[in-house]
């Protein structure tokens, strides 16, 4: 009886961990869309196509490239006062979600 109770406990723990990870990923995706539509839109356009030549288009860029650039801005390896400030509070999950959001726009 004790062995089956332990197995049940670990099975439930695994299921709860899966849903927690799925929830965290979904929250990051929602946060990324919100950031794209509120913060990023000012310079990079509503659809990721910048209305100003000074700022790069994000739409369709590679997700690995975008993720690296955002992390570099956040961590101070790439310097731009606006982007450093905007990226400073982004965690890895949100950066990944933002990169995927722009990379997967058609």
PDB file of N, CA and C in Angstrom:
ATOM      1  N   UNK A   1       0.825  -1.203   0.000  1.00  0.00           N
ATOM      2  CA  UNK A   1       0.000   0.000   0.000  1.00  0.00           C
ATOM      3  C   UNK A   1       0.866   1.263   0.000  1.00  0.00           C
ATOM      4  N   UNK A   2       1.930   1.230   0.770  1.00  0.00           N
ATOM      5  CA  UNK A   2       2.794   2.392   0.869  1.00  0.00           C
ATOM      6  C   UNK A   2       3.449   2.714  -0.480  1.00  0.00           C
ATOM      7  N   UNK A   3       3.858   1.691  -1.218  1.00  0.00           N
ATOM      8  CA  UNK A   3       4.498   1.887  -2.520  1.00  0.00           C
ATOM      9  C   UNK A   3       3.531   2.525  -3.515  1.00  0.00           C
ATOM     10  N   UNK A   4       2.291   2.074  -3.536  1.00  0.00           N
ATOM     11  CA  UNK A   4       1.319   2.637  -4.467  1.00  0.00           C
ATOM     12  C   UNK A   4       0.962   4.072  -4.103  1.00  0.00           C
ATOM     13  N   UNK A   5       0.962   4.391  -2.815  1.00  0.00           N
ATOM     14  CA  UNK A   5       0.696   5.762  -2.381  1.00  0.00           C
ATOM     15  C   UNK A   5       1.830   6.684  -2.828  1.00  0.00           C
ATOM     16  N   UNK A   6       3.067   6.188  -2.703  1.00  0.00           N
ATOM     17  CA  UNK A   6       4.213   6.978  -3.143  1.00  0.00           C
ATOM     18  C   UNK A   6       4.178   7.203  -4.650  1.00  0.00           C
ATOM     19  N   UNK A   7       3.846   6.156  -5.404  1.00  0.00           N
ATOM     20  CA  UNK A   7       3.760   6.296  -6.857  1.00  0.00           C
ATOM     21  C   UNK A   7       2.679   7.295  -7.242  1.00  0.00           C
ATOM     22  N   UNK A   8       1.538   7.226  -6.568  1.00  0.00           N
ATOM     23  CA  UNK A   8       0.453   8.158  -6.838  1.00  0.00           C
ATOM     24  C   UNK A   8       0.885   9.592  -6.527  1.00  0.00           C
ATOM     25  N   UNK A   9       1.577   9.774  -5.419  1.00  0.00           N
ATOM     26  CA  UNK A   9       2.056  11.094  -5.028  1.00  0.00           C
ATOM     27  C   UNK A   9       2.995  11.673  -6.098  1.00  0.00           C
ATOM     28  N   UNK A  10       3.954  10.874  -6.535  1.00  0.00           N
ATOM     29  CA  UNK A  10       4.908  11.349  -7.545  1.00  0.00           C
ATOM     30  C   UNK A  10       4.245  11.569  -8.901  1.00  0.00           C
ATOM     31  N   UNK A  11       3.258  10.774  -9.222  1.00  0.00           N
ATOM     32  CA  UNK A  11       2.519  10.982 -10.466  1.00  0.00           C
ATOM     33  C   UNK A  11       1.759  12.305 -10.421  1.00  0.00           C
ATOM     34  N   UNK A  12       1.108  12.579  -9.292  1.00  0.00           N
ATOM     35  CA  UNK A  12       0.384  13.840  -9.143  1.00  0.00           C
ATOM     36  C   UNK A  12       1.345  15.031  -9.147  1.00  0.00           C
ATOM     37  N   UNK A  13       2.478  14.868  -8.504  1.00  0.00           N
ATOM     38  CA  UNK A  13       3.483  15.926  -8.487  1.00  0.00           C
ATOM     39  C   UNK A  13       3.984  16.227  -9.896  1.00  0.00           C
ATOM     40  N   UNK A  14       4.191  15.201 -10.688  1.00  0.00           N
ATOM     41  CA  UNK A  14       4.634  15.379 -12.074  1.00  0.00           C
ATOM     42  C   UNK A  14       3.585  16.106 -12.895  1.00  0.00           C
ATOM     43  N   UNK A  15       2.346  15.741 -12.714  1.00  0.00           N
ATOM     44  CA  UNK A  15       1.251  16.388 -13.451  1.00  0.00           C
ATOM     45  C   UNK A  15       1.156  17.860 -13.067  1.00  0.00           C
ATOM     46  N   UNK A  16       1.223  18.141 -11.770  1.00  0.00           N
ATOM     47  CA  UNK A  16       1.154  19.533 -11.320  1.00  0.00           C
ATOM     48  C   UNK A  16       2.337  20.343 -11.838  1.00  0.00           C
ATOM     49  N   UNK A  17       3.513  19.761 -11.869  1.00  0.00           N
ATOM     50  CA  UNK A  17       4.692  20.451 -12.410  1.00  0.00           C
ATOM     51  C   UNK A  17       4.495  20.782 -13.881  1.00  0.00           C
ATOM     52  N   UNK A  18       3.936  19.831 -14.637  1.00  0.00           N
ATOM     53  CA  UNK A  18       3.674  20.057 -16.059  1.00  0.00           C
ATOM     54  C   UNK A  18       2.730  21.239 -16.249  1.00  0.00           C
ATOM     55  N   UNK A  19       1.638  21.277 -15.479  1.00  0.00           N
ATOM     56  CA  UNK A  19       0.678  22.367 -15.629  1.00  0.00           C
ATOM     57  C   UNK A  19       1.271  23.695 -15.174  1.00  0.00           C
ATOM     58  N   UNK A  20       2.134  23.665 -14.173  1.00  0.00           N
ATOM     59  CA  UNK A  20       2.782  24.884 -13.723  1.00  0.00           C
ATOM     60  C   UNK A  20       3.690  25.436 -14.812  1.00  0.00           C
ATOM     61  N   UNK A  21       4.448  24.575 -15.468  1.00  0.00           N
ATOM     62  CA  UNK A  21       5.322  24.998 -16.558  1.00  0.00           C
ATOM     63  C   UNK A  21       4.490  25.530 -17.719  1.00  0.00           C
ATOM     64  N   UNK A  22       3.417  24.817 -18.074  1.00  0.00           N
ATOM     65  CA  UNK A  22       2.541  25.249 -19.166  1.00  0.00           C
ATOM     66  C   UNK A  22       1.918  26.606 -18.851  1.00  0.00           C
ATOM     67  N   UNK A  23       1.487  26.807 -17.604  1.00  0.00           N
ATOM     68  CA  UNK A  23       0.898  28.074 -17.204  1.00  0.00           C
ATOM     69  C   UNK A  23       1.934  29.195 -17.301  1.00  0.00           C
ATOM     70  N   UNK A  24       3.161  28.943 -16.844  1.00  0.00           N
ATOM     71  CA  UNK A  24       4.218  29.959 -16.902  1.00  0.00           C
ATOM     72  C   UNK A  24       4.527  30.333 -18.349  1.00  0.00           C
ATOM     73  N   UNK A  25       4.568  29.346 -19.233  1.00  0.00           N
ATOM     74  CA  UNK A  25       4.826  29.633 -20.646  1.00  0.00           C
ATOM     75  C   UNK A  25       3.694  30.447 -21.247  1.00  0.00           C
ATOM     76  N   UNK A  26       2.453  30.096 -20.923  1.00  0.00           N
ATOM     77  CA  UNK A  26       1.304  30.841 -21.439  1.00  0.00           C
ATOM     78  C   UNK A  26       1.319  32.277 -20.912  1.00  0.00           C
ATOM     79  N   UNK A  27       1.662  32.453 -19.648  1.00  0.00           N
ATOM     80  CA  UNK A  27       1.748  33.796 -19.073  1.00  0.00           C
ATOM     81  C   UNK A  27       2.815  34.617 -19.792  1.00  0.00           C
ATOM     82  N   UNK A  28       3.936  33.999 -20.143  1.00  0.00           N
ATOM     83  CA  UNK A  28       4.995  34.704 -20.870  1.00  0.00           C
ATOM     84  C   UNK A  28       4.537  35.113 -22.261  1.00  0.00           C
ATOM     85  N   UNK A  29       3.780  34.239 -22.925  1.00  0.00           N
ATOM     86  CA  UNK A  29       3.256  34.558 -24.254  1.00  0.00           C
ATOM     87  C   UNK A  29       2.300  35.742 -24.177  1.00  0.00           C
ATOM     88  N   UNK A  30       1.416  35.726 -23.191  1.00  0.00           N
ATOM     89  CA  UNK A  30       0.476  36.841 -23.026  1.00  0.00           C
ATOM     90  C   UNK A  30       1.217  38.134 -22.702  1.00  0.00           C
ATOM     91  N   UNK A  31       2.219  38.046 -21.835  1.00  0.00           N
ATOM     92  CA  UNK A  31       3.018  39.225 -21.498  1.00  0.00           C
ATOM     93  C   UNK A  31       3.750  39.744 -22.729  1.00  0.00           C
ATOM     94  N   UNK A  32       4.273  38.842 -23.546  1.00  0.00           N
ATOM     95  CA  UNK A  32       4.979  39.240 -24.766  1.00  0.00           C
ATOM     96  C   UNK A  32       4.053  39.973 -25.722  1.00  0.00           C
ATOM     97  N   UNK A  33       2.850  39.458 -25.911  1.00  0.00           N
ATOM     98  CA  UNK A  33       1.892  40.128 -26.803  1.00  0.00           C
ATOM     99  C   UNK A  33       1.531  41.505 -26.261  1.00  0.00           C
ATOM    100  N   UNK A  34       1.354  41.591 -24.946  1.00  0.00           N
ATOM    101  CA  UNK A  34       1.033  42.877 -24.331  1.00  0.00           C
ATOM    102  C   UNK A  34       2.177  43.873 -24.523  1.00  0.00           C
ATOM    103  N   UNK A  35       3.407  43.420 -24.292  1.00  0.00           N
ATOM    104  CA  UNK A  35       4.565  44.296 -24.496  1.00  0.00           C
ATOM    105  C   UNK A  35       4.695  44.723 -25.952  1.00  0.00           C
ATOM    106  N   UNK A  36       4.501  43.789 -26.866  1.00  0.00           N
ATOM    107  CA  UNK A  36       4.601  44.104 -28.292  1.00  0.00           C
ATOM    108  C   UNK A  36       3.583  45.170 -28.682  1.00  0.00           C
ATOM    109  N   UNK A  37       2.390  45.087 -28.093  1.00  0.00           N
ATOM    110  CA  UNK A  37       1.313  46.003 -28.458  1.00  0.00           C
ATOM    111  C   UNK A  37       1.302  47.302 -27.663  1.00  0.00           C
ATOM    112  N   UNK A  38       2.150  47.407 -26.635  1.00  0.00           N
ATOM    113  CA  UNK A  38       2.180  48.641 -25.855  1.00  0.00           C
ATOM    114  C   UNK A  38       3.549  49.311 -25.890  1.00  0.00           C
ATOM    115  N   UNK A  39       4.594  48.556 -25.626  1.00  0.00           N
ATOM    116  CA  UNK A  39       5.926  49.136 -25.526  1.00  0.00           C
ATOM    117  C   UNK A  39       6.660  49.133 -26.864  1.00  0.00           C
ATOM    118  N   UNK A  40       6.702  47.996 -27.517  1.00  0.00           N
ATOM    119  CA  UNK A  40       7.492  47.846 -28.751  1.00  0.00           C
ATOM    120  C   UNK A  40       6.874  48.592 -29.928  1.00  0.00           C
ATOM    121  N   UNK A  41       5.565  48.712 -29.931  1.00  0.00           N
ATOM    122  CA  UNK A  41       4.832  49.289 -31.051  1.00  0.00           C
ATOM    123  C   UNK A  41       5.282  50.714 -31.375  1.00  0.00           C
ATOM    124  N   UNK A  42       5.688  51.465 -30.373  1.00  0.00           N
ATOM    125  CA  UNK A  42       6.048  52.870 -30.586  1.00  0.00           C
ATOM    126  C   UNK A  42       7.179  53.021 -31.607  1.00  0.00           C
ATOM    127  N   UNK A  43       8.144  52.129 -31.559  1.00  0.00           N
ATOM    128  CA  UNK A  43       9.293  52.235 -32.470  1.00  0.00           C
ATOM    129  C   UNK A  43       9.272  51.185 -33.578  1.00  0.00           C
ATOM    130  N   UNK A  44       8.745  50.004 -33.270  1.00  0.00           N
ATOM    131  CA  UNK A  44       8.831  48.890 -34.211  1.00  0.00           C
ATOM    132  C   UNK A  44       7.527  48.606 -34.953  1.00  0.00           C
ATOM    133  N   UNK A  45       6.510  49.441 -34.730  1.00  0.00           N
ATOM    134  CA  UNK A  45       5.263  49.321 -35.458  1.00  0.00           C
ATOM    135  C   UNK A  45       4.323  48.255 -34.915  1.00  0.00           C
ATOM    136  N   UNK A  46       3.048  48.413 -35.225  1.00  0.00           N
ATOM    137  CA  UNK A  46       2.015  47.512 -34.716  1.00  0.00           C
ATOM    138  C   UNK A  46       2.186  46.091 -35.220  1.00  0.00           C
ATOM    139  N   UNK A  47       2.720  45.937 -36.396  1.00  0.00           N
ATOM    140  CA  UNK A  47       2.878  44.602 -36.974  1.00  0.00           C
ATOM    141  C   UNK A  47       4.339  44.181 -37.054  1.00  0.00           C
ATOM    142  N   UNK A  48       5.205  44.900 -36.322  1.00  0.00           N
ATOM    143  CA  UNK A  48       6.632  44.576 -36.340  1.00  0.00           C
ATOM    144  C   UNK A  48       7.384  45.205 -37.486  1.00  0.00           C
ATOM    145  N   UNK A  49       6.687  46.028 -38.281  1.00  0.00           N
ATOM    146  CA  UNK A  49       7.319  46.769 -39.371  1.00  0.00           C
ATOM    147  C   UNK A  49       7.405  48.225 -38.925  1.00  0.00           C
ATOM    148  N   UNK A  50       8.615  48.696 -38.752  1.00  0.00           N
ATOM    149  CA  UNK A  50       8.832  50.028 -38.210  1.00  0.00           C
ATOM    150  C   UNK A  50       8.362  51.117 -39.165  1.00  0.00           C
ATOM    151  N   UNK A  51       7.654  52.114 -38.640  1.00  0.00           N
ATOM    152  CA  UNK A  51       7.241  53.234 -39.482  1.00  0.00           C
ATOM    153  C   UNK A  51       8.379  54.227 -39.718  1.00  0.00           C
ATOM    154  N   UNK A  52       9.513  54.022 -39.028  1.00  0.00           N
ATOM    155  CA  UNK A  52      10.650  54.939 -39.108  1.00  0.00           C
ATOM    156  C   UNK A  52      11.898  54.130 -39.477  1.00  0.00           C
ATOM    157  N   UNK A  53      12.637  54.625 -40.452  1.00  0.00           N
ATOM    158  CA  UNK A  53      13.834  53.901 -40.903  1.00  0.00           C
ATOM    159  C   UNK A  53      14.894  53.736 -39.819  1.00  0.00           C
ATOM    160  N   UNK A  54      14.874  54.580 -38.817  1.00  0.00           N
ATOM    161  CA  UNK A  54      15.861  54.529 -37.736  1.00  0.00           C
ATOM    162  C   UNK A  54      15.762  53.231 -36.926  1.00  0.00           C
ATOM    163  N   UNK A  55      14.567  52.658 -36.822  1.00  0.00           N
ATOM    164  CA  UNK A  55      14.346  51.464 -35.999  1.00  0.00           C
ATOM    165  C   UNK A  55      14.168  50.235 -36.878  1.00  0.00           C
ATOM    166  N   UNK A  56      14.730  49.115 -36.462  1.00  0.00           N
ATOM    167  CA  UNK A  56      14.653  47.907 -37.306  1.00  0.00           C
ATOM    168  C   UNK A  56      13.271  47.262 -37.296  1.00  0.00           C
ATOM    169  N   UNK A  57      12.970  46.591 -38.392  1.00  0.00           N
ATOM    170  CA  UNK A  57      11.775  45.757 -38.463  1.00  0.00           C
ATOM    171  C   UNK A  57      12.040  44.487 -37.659  1.00  0.00           C
ATOM    172  N   UNK A  58      11.058  44.059 -36.900  1.00  0.00           N
ATOM    173  CA  UNK A  58      11.193  42.842 -36.098  1.00  0.00           C
ATOM    174  C   UNK A  58      10.443  41.671 -36.714  1.00  0.00           C
ATOM    175  N   UNK A  59       9.424  41.981 -37.448  1.00  0.00           N
ATOM    176  CA  UNK A  59       8.585  40.947 -38.042  1.00  0.00           C
ATOM    177  C   UNK A  59       9.406  40.026 -38.947  1.00  0.00           C
ATOM    178  N   UNK A  60       9.303  38.738 -38.683  1.00  0.00           N
ATOM    179  CA  UNK A  60       9.961  37.753 -39.519  1.00  0.00           C
ATOM    180  C   UNK A  60      11.452  37.554 -39.250  1.00  0.00           C
ATOM    181  N   UNK A  61      12.021  38.327 -38.309  1.00  0.00           N
ATOM    182  CA  UNK A  61      13.420  38.099 -37.945  1.00  0.00           C
ATOM    183  C   UNK A  61      13.518  36.736 -37.256  1.00  0.00           C
ATOM    184  N   UNK A  62      14.661  36.128 -37.278  1.00  0.00           N
ATOM    185  CA  UNK A  62      14.852  34.839 -36.622  1.00  0.00           C
ATOM    186  C   UNK A  62      14.704  34.949 -35.113  1.00  0.00           C
ATOM    187  N   UNK A  63      14.030  33.982 -34.510  1.00  0.00           N
ATOM    188  CA  UNK A  63      13.791  34.047 -33.072  1.00  0.00           C
ATOM    189  C   UNK A  63      15.092  33.964 -32.268  1.00  0.00           C
ATOM    190  N   UNK A  64      16.065  33.192 -32.734  1.00  0.00           N
ATOM    191  CA  UNK A  64      17.335  33.095 -32.015  1.00  0.00           C
ATOM    192  C   UNK A  64      18.058  34.442 -32.059  1.00  0.00           C
ATOM    193  N   UNK A  65      18.036  35.097 -33.211  1.00  0.00           N
ATOM    194  CA  UNK A  65      18.654  36.419 -33.356  1.00  0.00           C
ATOM    195  C   UNK A  65      17.983  37.432 -32.426  1.00  0.00           C
ATOM    196  N   UNK A  66      16.648  37.474 -32.455  1.00  0.00           N
ATOM    197  CA  UNK A  66      15.922  38.436 -31.626  1.00  0.00           C
ATOM    198  C   UNK A  66      16.158  38.185 -30.136  1.00  0.00           C
ATOM    199  N   UNK A  67      16.146  36.923 -29.762  1.00  0.00           N
ATOM    200  CA  UNK A  67      16.379  36.565 -28.358  1.00  0.00           C
ATOM    201  C   UNK A  67      17.769  37.025 -27.909  1.00  0.00           C
ATOM    202  N   UNK A  68      18.767  36.794 -28.732  1.00  0.00           N
ATOM    203  CA  UNK A  68      20.134  37.206 -28.394  1.00  0.00           C
ATOM    204  C   UNK A  68      20.229  38.723 -28.260  1.00  0.00           C
ATOM    205  N   UNK A  69      19.619  39.449 -29.192  1.00  0.00           N
ATOM    206  CA  UNK A  69      19.699  40.907 -29.145  1.00  0.00           C
ATOM    207  C   UNK A  69      19.047  41.451 -27.880  1.00  0.00           C
ATOM    208  N   UNK A  70      17.861  40.928 -27.535  1.00  0.00           N
ATOM    209  CA  UNK A  70      17.176  41.393 -26.331  1.00  0.00           C
ATOM    210  C   UNK A  70      17.978  41.089 -25.071  1.00  0.00           C
ATOM    211  N   UNK A  71      18.570  39.903 -25.013  1.00  0.00           N
ATOM    212  CA  UNK A  71      19.401  39.562 -23.848  1.00  0.00           C
ATOM    213  C   UNK A  71      20.641  40.454 -23.794  1.00  0.00           C
ATOM    214  N   UNK A  72      21.210  40.748 -24.950  1.00  0.00           N
ATOM    215  CA  UNK A  72      22.380  41.623 -24.986  1.00  0.00           C
ATOM    216  C   UNK A  72      22.023  43.041 -24.519  1.00  0.00           C
ATOM    217  N   UNK A  73      20.873  43.549 -24.914  1.00  0.00           N
ATOM    218  CA  UNK A  73      20.415  44.855 -24.425  1.00  0.00           C
ATOM    219  C   UNK A  73      20.169  44.794 -22.923  1.00  0.00           C
ATOM    220  N   UNK A  74      19.490  43.757 -22.475  1.00  0.00           N
ATOM    221  CA  UNK A  74      19.164  43.622 -21.053  1.00  0.00           C
ATOM    222  C   UNK A  74      20.431  43.553 -20.199  1.00  0.00           C
ATOM    223  N   UNK A  75      21.415  42.785 -20.667  1.00  0.00           N
ATOM    224  CA  UNK A  75      22.620  42.532 -19.885  1.00  0.00           C
ATOM    225  C   UNK A  75      23.734  43.549 -20.121  1.00  0.00           C
ATOM    226  N   UNK A  76      23.477  44.555 -20.971  1.00  0.00           N
ATOM    227  CA  UNK A  76      24.440  45.618 -21.205  1.00  0.00           C
ATOM    228  C   UNK A  76      25.562  45.276 -22.169  1.00  0.00           C
ATOM    229  N   UNK A  77      25.441  44.165 -22.877  1.00  0.00           N
ATOM    230  CA  UNK A  77      26.462  43.820 -23.879  1.00  0.00           C
ATOM    231  C   UNK A  77      26.255  44.611 -25.170  1.00  0.00           C
ATOM    232  N   UNK A  78      25.049  45.096 -25.358  1.00  0.00           N
ATOM    233  CA  UNK A  78      24.735  45.957 -26.498  1.00  0.00           C
ATOM    234  C   UNK A  78      24.145  47.232 -25.914  1.00  0.00           C
ATOM    235  N   UNK A  79      24.613  48.373 -26.385  1.00  0.00           N
ATOM    236  CA  UNK A  79      24.235  49.634 -25.762  1.00  0.00           C
ATOM    237  C   UNK A  79      23.322  50.459 -26.663  1.00  0.00           C
ATOM    238  N   UNK A  80      22.168  50.756 -26.135  1.00  0.00           N
ATOM    239  CA  UNK A  80      21.224  51.718 -26.693  1.00  0.00           C
ATOM    240  C   UNK A  80      20.363  52.136 -25.504  1.00  0.00           C
ATOM    241  N   UNK A  81      20.377  53.404 -25.128  1.00  0.00           N
ATOM    242  CA  UNK A  81      19.684  53.819 -23.905  1.00  0.00           C
ATOM    243  C   UNK A  81      18.210  53.402 -23.844  1.00  0.00           C
ATOM    244  N   UNK A  82      17.517  53.517 -24.948  1.00  0.00           N
ATOM    245  CA  UNK A  82      16.091  53.156 -24.959  1.00  0.00           C
ATOM    246  C   UNK A  82      15.920  51.652 -24.804  1.00  0.00           C
ATOM    247  N   UNK A  83      16.653  50.889 -25.597  1.00  0.00           N
ATOM    248  CA  UNK A  83      16.502  49.430 -25.543  1.00  0.00           C
ATOM    249  C   UNK A  83      17.034  48.852 -24.240  1.00  0.00           C
ATOM    250  N   UNK A  84      18.118  49.405 -23.705  1.00  0.00           N
ATOM    251  CA  UNK A  84      18.627  48.924 -22.422  1.00  0.00           C
ATOM    252  C   UNK A  84      17.575  49.104 -21.331  1.00  0.00           C
ATOM    253  N   UNK A  85      16.928  50.256 -21.330  1.00  0.00           N
ATOM    254  CA  UNK A  85      15.881  50.511 -20.335  1.00  0.00           C
ATOM    255  C   UNK A  85      14.675  49.597 -20.551  1.00  0.00           C
ATOM    256  N   UNK A  86      14.267  49.416 -21.798  1.00  0.00           N
ATOM    257  CA  UNK A  86      13.101  48.581 -22.089  1.00  0.00           C
ATOM    258  C   UNK A  86      13.351  47.113 -21.779  1.00  0.00           C
ATOM    259  N   UNK A  87      14.547  46.633 -22.009  1.00  0.00           N
ATOM    260  CA  UNK A  87      14.850  45.220 -21.817  1.00  0.00           C
ATOM    261  C   UNK A  87      15.266  44.886 -20.388  1.00  0.00           C
ATOM    262  N   UNK A  88      15.573  45.888 -19.586  1.00  0.00           N
ATOM    263  CA  UNK A  88      16.128  45.667 -18.246  1.00  0.00           C
ATOM    264  C   UNK A  88      15.268  44.755 -17.374  1.00  0.00           C
ATOM    265  N   UNK A  89      13.970  44.855 -17.494  1.00  0.00           N
ATOM    266  CA  UNK A  89      13.087  44.086 -16.598  1.00  0.00           C
ATOM    267  C   UNK A  89      12.586  42.785 -17.216  1.00  0.00           C
ATOM    268  N   UNK A  90      13.040  42.445 -18.412  1.00  0.00           N
ATOM    269  CA  UNK A  90      12.546  41.243 -19.081  1.00  0.00           C
ATOM    270  C   UNK A  90      13.272  40.000 -18.582  1.00  0.00           C
ATOM    271  N   UNK A  91      12.500  38.980 -18.222  1.00  0.00           N
ATOM    272  CA  UNK A  91      13.120  37.708 -17.853  1.00  0.00           C
ATOM    273  C   UNK A  91      13.317  36.865 -19.109  1.00  0.00           C
ATOM    274  N   UNK A  92      14.050  35.769 -18.975  1.00  0.00           N
ATOM    275  CA  UNK A  92      14.371  34.925 -20.133  1.00  0.00           C
ATOM    276  C   UNK A  92      13.123  34.398 -20.832  1.00  0.00           C
ATOM    277  N   UNK A  93      12.113  34.004 -20.056  1.00  0.00           N
ATOM    278  CA  UNK A  93      10.886  33.449 -20.653  1.00  0.00           C
ATOM    279  C   UNK A  93      10.154  34.494 -21.486  1.00  0.00           C
ATOM    280  N   UNK A  94      10.104  35.720 -21.000  1.00  0.00           N
ATOM    281  CA  UNK A  94       9.431  36.788 -21.743  1.00  0.00           C
ATOM    282  C   UNK A  94      10.222  37.154 -22.992  1.00  0.00           C
ATOM    283  N   UNK A  95      11.539  37.181 -22.885  1.00  0.00           N
ATOM    284  CA  UNK A  95      12.373  37.457 -24.058  1.00  0.00           C
ATOM    285  C   UNK A  95      12.150  36.389 -25.115  1.00  0.00           C
ATOM    286  N   UNK A  96      12.146  35.144 -24.708  1.00  0.00           N
ATOM    287  CA  UNK A  96      11.911  34.038 -25.649  1.00  0.00           C
ATOM    288  C   UNK A  96      10.535  34.178 -26.302  1.00  0.00           C
ATOM    289  N   UNK A  97       9.531  34.513 -25.517  1.00  0.00           N
ATOM    290  CA  UNK A  97       8.177  34.670 -26.051  1.00  0.00           C
ATOM    291  C   UNK A  97       8.099  35.848 -27.020  1.00  0.00           C
ATOM    292  N   UNK A  98       8.752  36.962 -26.691  1.00  0.00           N
ATOM    293  CA  UNK A  98       8.774  38.121 -27.598  1.00  0.00           C
ATOM    294  C   UNK A  98       9.468  37.769 -28.910  1.00  0.00           C
ATOM    295  N   UNK A  99      10.593  37.091 -28.807  1.00  0.00           N
ATOM    296  CA  UNK A  99      11.333  36.691 -30.009  1.00  0.00           C
ATOM    297  C   UNK A  99      10.477  35.780 -30.881  1.00  0.00           C
ATOM    298  N   UNK A 100       9.798  34.825 -30.274  1.00  0.00           N
ATOM    299  CA  UNK A 100       8.926  33.920 -31.035  1.00  0.00           C
ATOM    300  C   UNK A 100       7.736  34.661 -31.628  1.00  0.00           C
ATOM    301  N   UNK A 101       7.204  35.620 -30.882  1.00  0.00           N
ATOM    302  CA  UNK A 101       6.057  36.408 -31.369  1.00  0.00           C
ATOM    303  C   UNK A 101       6.413  37.106 -32.680  1.00  0.00           C
ATOM    304  N   UNK A 102       7.533  37.819 -32.691  1.00  0.00           N
ATOM    305  CA  UNK A 102       7.910  38.543 -33.909  1.00  0.00           C
ATOM    306  C   UNK A 102       8.408  37.612 -35.004  1.00  0.00           C
ATOM    307  N   UNK A 103       9.127  36.586 -34.637  1.00  0.00           N
ATOM    308  CA  UNK A 103       9.670  35.655 -35.650  1.00  0.00           C
ATOM    309  C   UNK A 103       8.575  34.911 -36.393  1.00  0.00           C
ATOM    310  N   UNK A 104       7.455  34.681 -35.743  1.00  0.00           N
ATOM    311  CA  UNK A 104       6.395  33.864 -36.347  1.00  0.00           C
ATOM    312  C   UNK A 104       5.284  34.684 -36.985  1.00  0.00           C
ATOM    313  N   UNK A 105       5.470  35.982 -37.103  1.00  0.00           N
ATOM    314  CA  UNK A 105       4.484  36.792 -37.816  1.00  0.00           C
ATOM    315  C   UNK A 105       4.716  36.653 -39.306  1.00  0.00           C
ATOM    316  N   UNK A 106       3.646  36.465 -40.024  1.00  0.00           N
ATOM    317  CA  UNK A 106       3.746  36.330 -41.492  1.00  0.00           C
ATOM    318  C   UNK A 106       3.457  37.633 -42.191  1.00  0.00           C
TER     319      UNK A 106
END
